[in-house]
C-alpha cells in the first residue's frame, strides 16, 4: 500500500475507530486541558479526543488525513470543533 493512501482512503481511516474508548492517553490529555479555555489538537485523527475536549472551551483539530477529518466532522460535537 502506498503510504499516501493512509491520508486519503476512508477505509483505512475507519481502522482508527476500533481503538478502546477510555484510553489512558486521552485521560491524560483531558487532565492537561482541564483549565484551558482553548485547545489545539495536533494530529486529531478521527476526532475522538477532540470532541471530548469541547465542553467549555474553543477547540481546533488539525490532521493531514482528510479522510480522518471527514469522520471527525460527523461525530456528535464535531460541529463545535474548527
N, C-alpha and C. Protein backbone atom coordinates (compact mmCIF):
# COMPACT_ATOMS: atom_id res chain seq x y z
N UNK A 1 0.83 -1.18 0.00
CA UNK A 1 0.00 0.00 0.00
C UNK A 1 0.88 1.24 0.00
N UNK A 2 0.52 2.17 -0.79
CA UNK A 2 1.20 3.46 -0.83
C UNK A 2 0.87 4.22 0.46
N UNK A 3 1.87 4.76 1.14
CA UNK A 3 1.63 5.45 2.41
C UNK A 3 0.74 6.67 2.25
N UNK A 4 0.65 7.23 1.07
CA UNK A 4 -0.23 8.37 0.84
C UNK A 4 -1.69 7.97 1.03
N UNK A 5 -2.03 6.69 0.81
CA UNK A 5 -3.39 6.22 0.98
C UNK A 5 -3.87 6.35 2.43
N UNK A 6 -2.95 6.30 3.37
CA UNK A 6 -3.30 6.46 4.78
C UNK A 6 -4.04 7.78 4.98
N UNK A 7 -3.67 8.79 4.22
CA UNK A 7 -4.25 10.11 4.40
C UNK A 7 -5.48 10.36 3.52
N UNK A 8 -5.75 9.48 2.58
CA UNK A 8 -6.85 9.74 1.66
C UNK A 8 -7.91 8.65 1.62
N UNK A 9 -7.60 7.46 2.07
CA UNK A 9 -8.52 6.33 1.95
C UNK A 9 -9.45 6.23 3.16
N UNK A 10 -10.76 6.45 2.98
CA UNK A 10 -11.71 6.36 4.10
C UNK A 10 -11.72 4.98 4.76
N UNK A 11 -11.47 3.93 4.00
CA UNK A 11 -11.45 2.59 4.59
C UNK A 11 -10.32 2.43 5.59
N UNK A 12 -9.18 3.01 5.30
CA UNK A 12 -8.05 2.97 6.23
C UNK A 12 -8.37 3.82 7.47
N UNK A 13 -8.97 4.96 7.27
CA UNK A 13 -9.32 5.83 8.39
C UNK A 13 -10.27 5.15 9.37
N UNK A 14 -11.15 4.28 8.88
CA UNK A 14 -12.10 3.57 9.74
C UNK A 14 -11.41 2.70 10.78
N UNK A 15 -10.20 2.22 10.51
CA UNK A 15 -9.48 1.38 11.47
C UNK A 15 -9.20 2.12 12.78
N UNK A 16 -9.09 3.43 12.72
CA UNK A 16 -8.83 4.21 13.92
C UNK A 16 -10.03 4.20 14.86
N UNK A 17 -11.19 3.85 14.34
CA UNK A 17 -12.40 3.79 15.15
C UNK A 17 -12.46 2.52 16.00
N UNK A 18 -11.53 1.61 15.83
CA UNK A 18 -11.54 0.35 16.56
C UNK A 18 -10.78 0.42 17.88
N UNK A 19 -10.20 1.55 18.20
CA UNK A 19 -9.42 1.68 19.44
C UNK A 19 -10.36 1.78 20.64
N UNK A 20 -9.90 1.37 21.82
CA UNK A 20 -10.74 1.46 23.02
C UNK A 20 -11.14 2.90 23.33
N UNK A 21 -12.28 3.08 23.96
CA UNK A 21 -12.81 4.42 24.23
C UNK A 21 -12.13 5.11 25.43
N UNK A 22 -11.87 4.43 26.51
CA UNK A 22 -11.28 5.05 27.70
C UNK A 22 -9.77 4.83 27.72
N UNK A 23 -9.10 5.44 26.78
CA UNK A 23 -7.67 5.27 26.65
C UNK A 23 -6.94 6.13 27.67
N UNK A 24 -5.84 5.62 28.19
CA UNK A 24 -5.05 6.34 29.18
C UNK A 24 -4.49 7.64 28.61
N UNK A 25 -4.08 7.64 27.35
CA UNK A 25 -3.55 8.87 26.76
C UNK A 25 -4.63 9.94 26.66
N UNK A 26 -5.87 9.55 26.40
CA UNK A 26 -6.97 10.52 26.35
C UNK A 26 -7.25 11.08 27.74
N UNK A 27 -7.25 10.23 28.74
CA UNK A 27 -7.46 10.70 30.11
C UNK A 27 -6.37 11.70 30.51
N UNK A 28 -5.14 11.40 30.13
CA UNK A 28 -4.02 12.30 30.43
C UNK A 28 -4.20 13.65 29.73
N UNK A 29 -4.53 13.62 28.44
CA UNK A 29 -4.72 14.87 27.68
C UNK A 29 -5.87 15.69 28.24
N UNK A 30 -6.95 15.03 28.64
CA UNK A 30 -8.08 15.76 29.22
C UNK A 30 -7.69 16.40 30.55
N UNK A 31 -6.83 15.75 31.30
CA UNK A 31 -6.37 16.36 32.56
C UNK A 31 -5.50 17.59 32.29
N UNK A 32 -4.69 17.55 31.23
CA UNK A 32 -3.88 18.71 30.87
C UNK A 32 -4.74 19.90 30.43
N UNK A 33 -5.86 19.61 29.78
CA UNK A 33 -6.74 20.65 29.24
C UNK A 33 -7.77 21.14 30.25
N UNK A 34 -7.78 20.58 31.42
CA UNK A 34 -8.82 20.85 32.42
C UNK A 34 -9.10 22.34 32.61
N UNK A 35 -8.11 23.17 32.74
CA UNK A 35 -8.30 24.60 33.00
C UNK A 35 -8.09 25.48 31.77
N UNK A 36 -7.95 24.87 30.62
CA UNK A 36 -7.68 25.63 29.39
C UNK A 36 -8.97 26.21 28.81
N UNK A 37 -8.87 27.38 28.23
CA UNK A 37 -10.03 27.97 27.55
C UNK A 37 -10.02 27.63 26.06
N UNK A 38 -8.87 27.17 25.56
CA UNK A 38 -8.78 26.74 24.17
C UNK A 38 -7.75 25.63 24.06
N UNK A 39 -7.95 24.77 23.05
CA UNK A 39 -7.06 23.63 22.84
C UNK A 39 -6.80 23.47 21.35
N UNK A 40 -5.55 23.19 21.00
CA UNK A 40 -5.17 22.81 19.64
C UNK A 40 -4.80 21.34 19.69
N UNK A 41 -5.56 20.51 19.00
CA UNK A 41 -5.31 19.07 18.96
C UNK A 41 -4.59 18.75 17.66
N UNK A 42 -3.25 18.67 17.74
CA UNK A 42 -2.43 18.35 16.56
C UNK A 42 -2.46 16.86 16.31
N UNK A 43 -2.77 16.48 15.10
CA UNK A 43 -2.89 15.06 14.78
C UNK A 43 -4.17 14.49 15.36
N UNK A 44 -5.27 15.22 15.21
CA UNK A 44 -6.53 14.85 15.84
C UNK A 44 -7.17 13.60 15.28
N UNK A 45 -6.72 13.15 14.11
CA UNK A 45 -7.26 11.92 13.54
C UNK A 45 -8.76 11.99 13.33
N UNK A 46 -9.47 10.99 13.84
CA UNK A 46 -10.92 10.93 13.66
C UNK A 46 -11.68 11.75 14.69
N UNK A 47 -10.98 12.48 15.52
CA UNK A 47 -11.61 13.44 16.42
C UNK A 47 -12.20 12.89 17.70
N UNK A 48 -11.91 11.65 18.04
CA UNK A 48 -12.49 11.07 19.25
C UNK A 48 -12.15 11.89 20.49
N UNK A 49 -10.89 12.18 20.70
CA UNK A 49 -10.48 13.00 21.83
C UNK A 49 -10.90 14.45 21.63
N UNK A 50 -10.78 14.92 20.44
CA UNK A 50 -11.05 16.32 20.12
C UNK A 50 -12.44 16.75 20.59
N UNK A 51 -13.45 15.97 20.28
CA UNK A 51 -14.81 16.35 20.68
C UNK A 51 -15.01 16.23 22.19
N UNK A 52 -14.23 15.40 22.84
CA UNK A 52 -14.32 15.29 24.30
C UNK A 52 -13.76 16.54 24.98
N UNK A 53 -12.95 17.30 24.28
CA UNK A 53 -12.33 18.50 24.85
C UNK A 53 -13.17 19.75 24.65
N UNK A 54 -14.25 19.67 23.91
CA UNK A 54 -15.04 20.84 23.52
C UNK A 54 -15.72 21.54 24.69
N UNK A 55 -16.25 20.81 25.62
CA UNK A 55 -17.08 21.39 26.67
C UNK A 55 -16.40 22.57 27.38
N UNK A 56 -16.97 23.75 27.17
CA UNK A 56 -16.48 24.95 27.85
C UNK A 56 -15.24 25.58 27.26
N UNK A 57 -14.84 25.15 26.08
CA UNK A 57 -13.62 25.75 25.51
C UNK A 57 -13.68 25.72 23.99
N UNK A 58 -12.81 26.51 23.38
CA UNK A 58 -12.66 26.52 21.92
C UNK A 58 -11.63 25.46 21.56
N UNK A 59 -11.96 24.62 20.58
CA UNK A 59 -11.06 23.53 20.19
C UNK A 59 -10.84 23.57 18.68
N UNK A 60 -9.58 23.44 18.29
CA UNK A 60 -9.20 23.34 16.88
C UNK A 60 -8.50 21.99 16.72
N UNK A 61 -8.97 21.20 15.74
CA UNK A 61 -8.34 19.93 15.43
C UNK A 61 -7.63 20.02 14.10
N UNK A 62 -6.41 19.52 14.04
CA UNK A 62 -5.58 19.60 12.84
C UNK A 62 -5.03 18.21 12.52
N UNK A 63 -5.20 17.80 11.26
CA UNK A 63 -4.68 16.50 10.84
C UNK A 63 -4.44 16.53 9.33
N UNK A 64 -3.37 15.89 8.84
CA UNK A 64 -3.13 15.87 7.39
C UNK A 64 -4.04 14.88 6.66
N UNK A 65 -4.73 14.02 7.39
CA UNK A 65 -5.55 12.98 6.77
C UNK A 65 -6.98 13.47 6.58
N UNK A 66 -7.28 13.89 5.36
CA UNK A 66 -8.61 14.39 5.06
C UNK A 66 -9.70 13.37 5.34
N UNK A 67 -9.42 12.09 5.10
CA UNK A 67 -10.42 11.04 5.35
C UNK A 67 -10.73 10.95 6.84
N UNK A 68 -9.74 11.15 7.68
CA UNK A 68 -9.98 11.12 9.12
C UNK A 68 -10.78 12.34 9.57
N UNK A 69 -10.47 13.49 8.99
CA UNK A 69 -11.23 14.70 9.33
C UNK A 69 -12.69 14.57 8.91
N UNK A 70 -12.95 13.86 7.81
CA UNK A 70 -14.33 13.62 7.40
C UNK A 70 -15.09 12.86 8.48
N UNK A 71 -14.44 11.86 9.08
CA UNK A 71 -15.05 11.11 10.17
C UNK A 71 -15.25 12.02 11.38
N UNK A 72 -14.24 12.81 11.70
CA UNK A 72 -14.31 13.71 12.85
C UNK A 72 -15.50 14.68 12.74
N UNK A 73 -15.75 15.16 11.56
CA UNK A 73 -16.86 16.11 11.37
C UNK A 73 -18.23 15.49 11.61
N UNK A 74 -18.33 14.17 11.47
CA UNK A 74 -19.63 13.51 11.67
C UNK A 74 -19.88 13.09 13.10
N UNK A 75 -18.89 13.21 13.97
CA UNK A 75 -19.06 12.84 15.38
C UNK A 75 -20.04 13.78 16.07
N UNK A 76 -20.79 13.27 17.04
CA UNK A 76 -21.57 14.20 17.88
C UNK A 76 -20.62 15.19 18.54
N UNK A 77 -20.87 16.46 18.37
CA UNK A 77 -19.98 17.51 18.88
C UNK A 77 -18.97 17.97 17.87
N UNK A 78 -18.83 17.25 16.77
CA UNK A 78 -17.85 17.60 15.74
C UNK A 78 -18.10 18.97 15.13
N UNK A 79 -19.34 19.38 15.11
CA UNK A 79 -19.67 20.70 14.54
C UNK A 79 -19.15 21.84 15.42
N UNK A 80 -18.77 21.55 16.64
CA UNK A 80 -18.25 22.57 17.55
C UNK A 80 -16.74 22.75 17.45
N UNK A 81 -16.11 21.90 16.67
CA UNK A 81 -14.65 21.92 16.50
C UNK A 81 -14.31 22.59 15.17
N UNK A 82 -13.32 23.47 15.20
CA UNK A 82 -12.84 24.09 13.97
C UNK A 82 -11.76 23.23 13.37
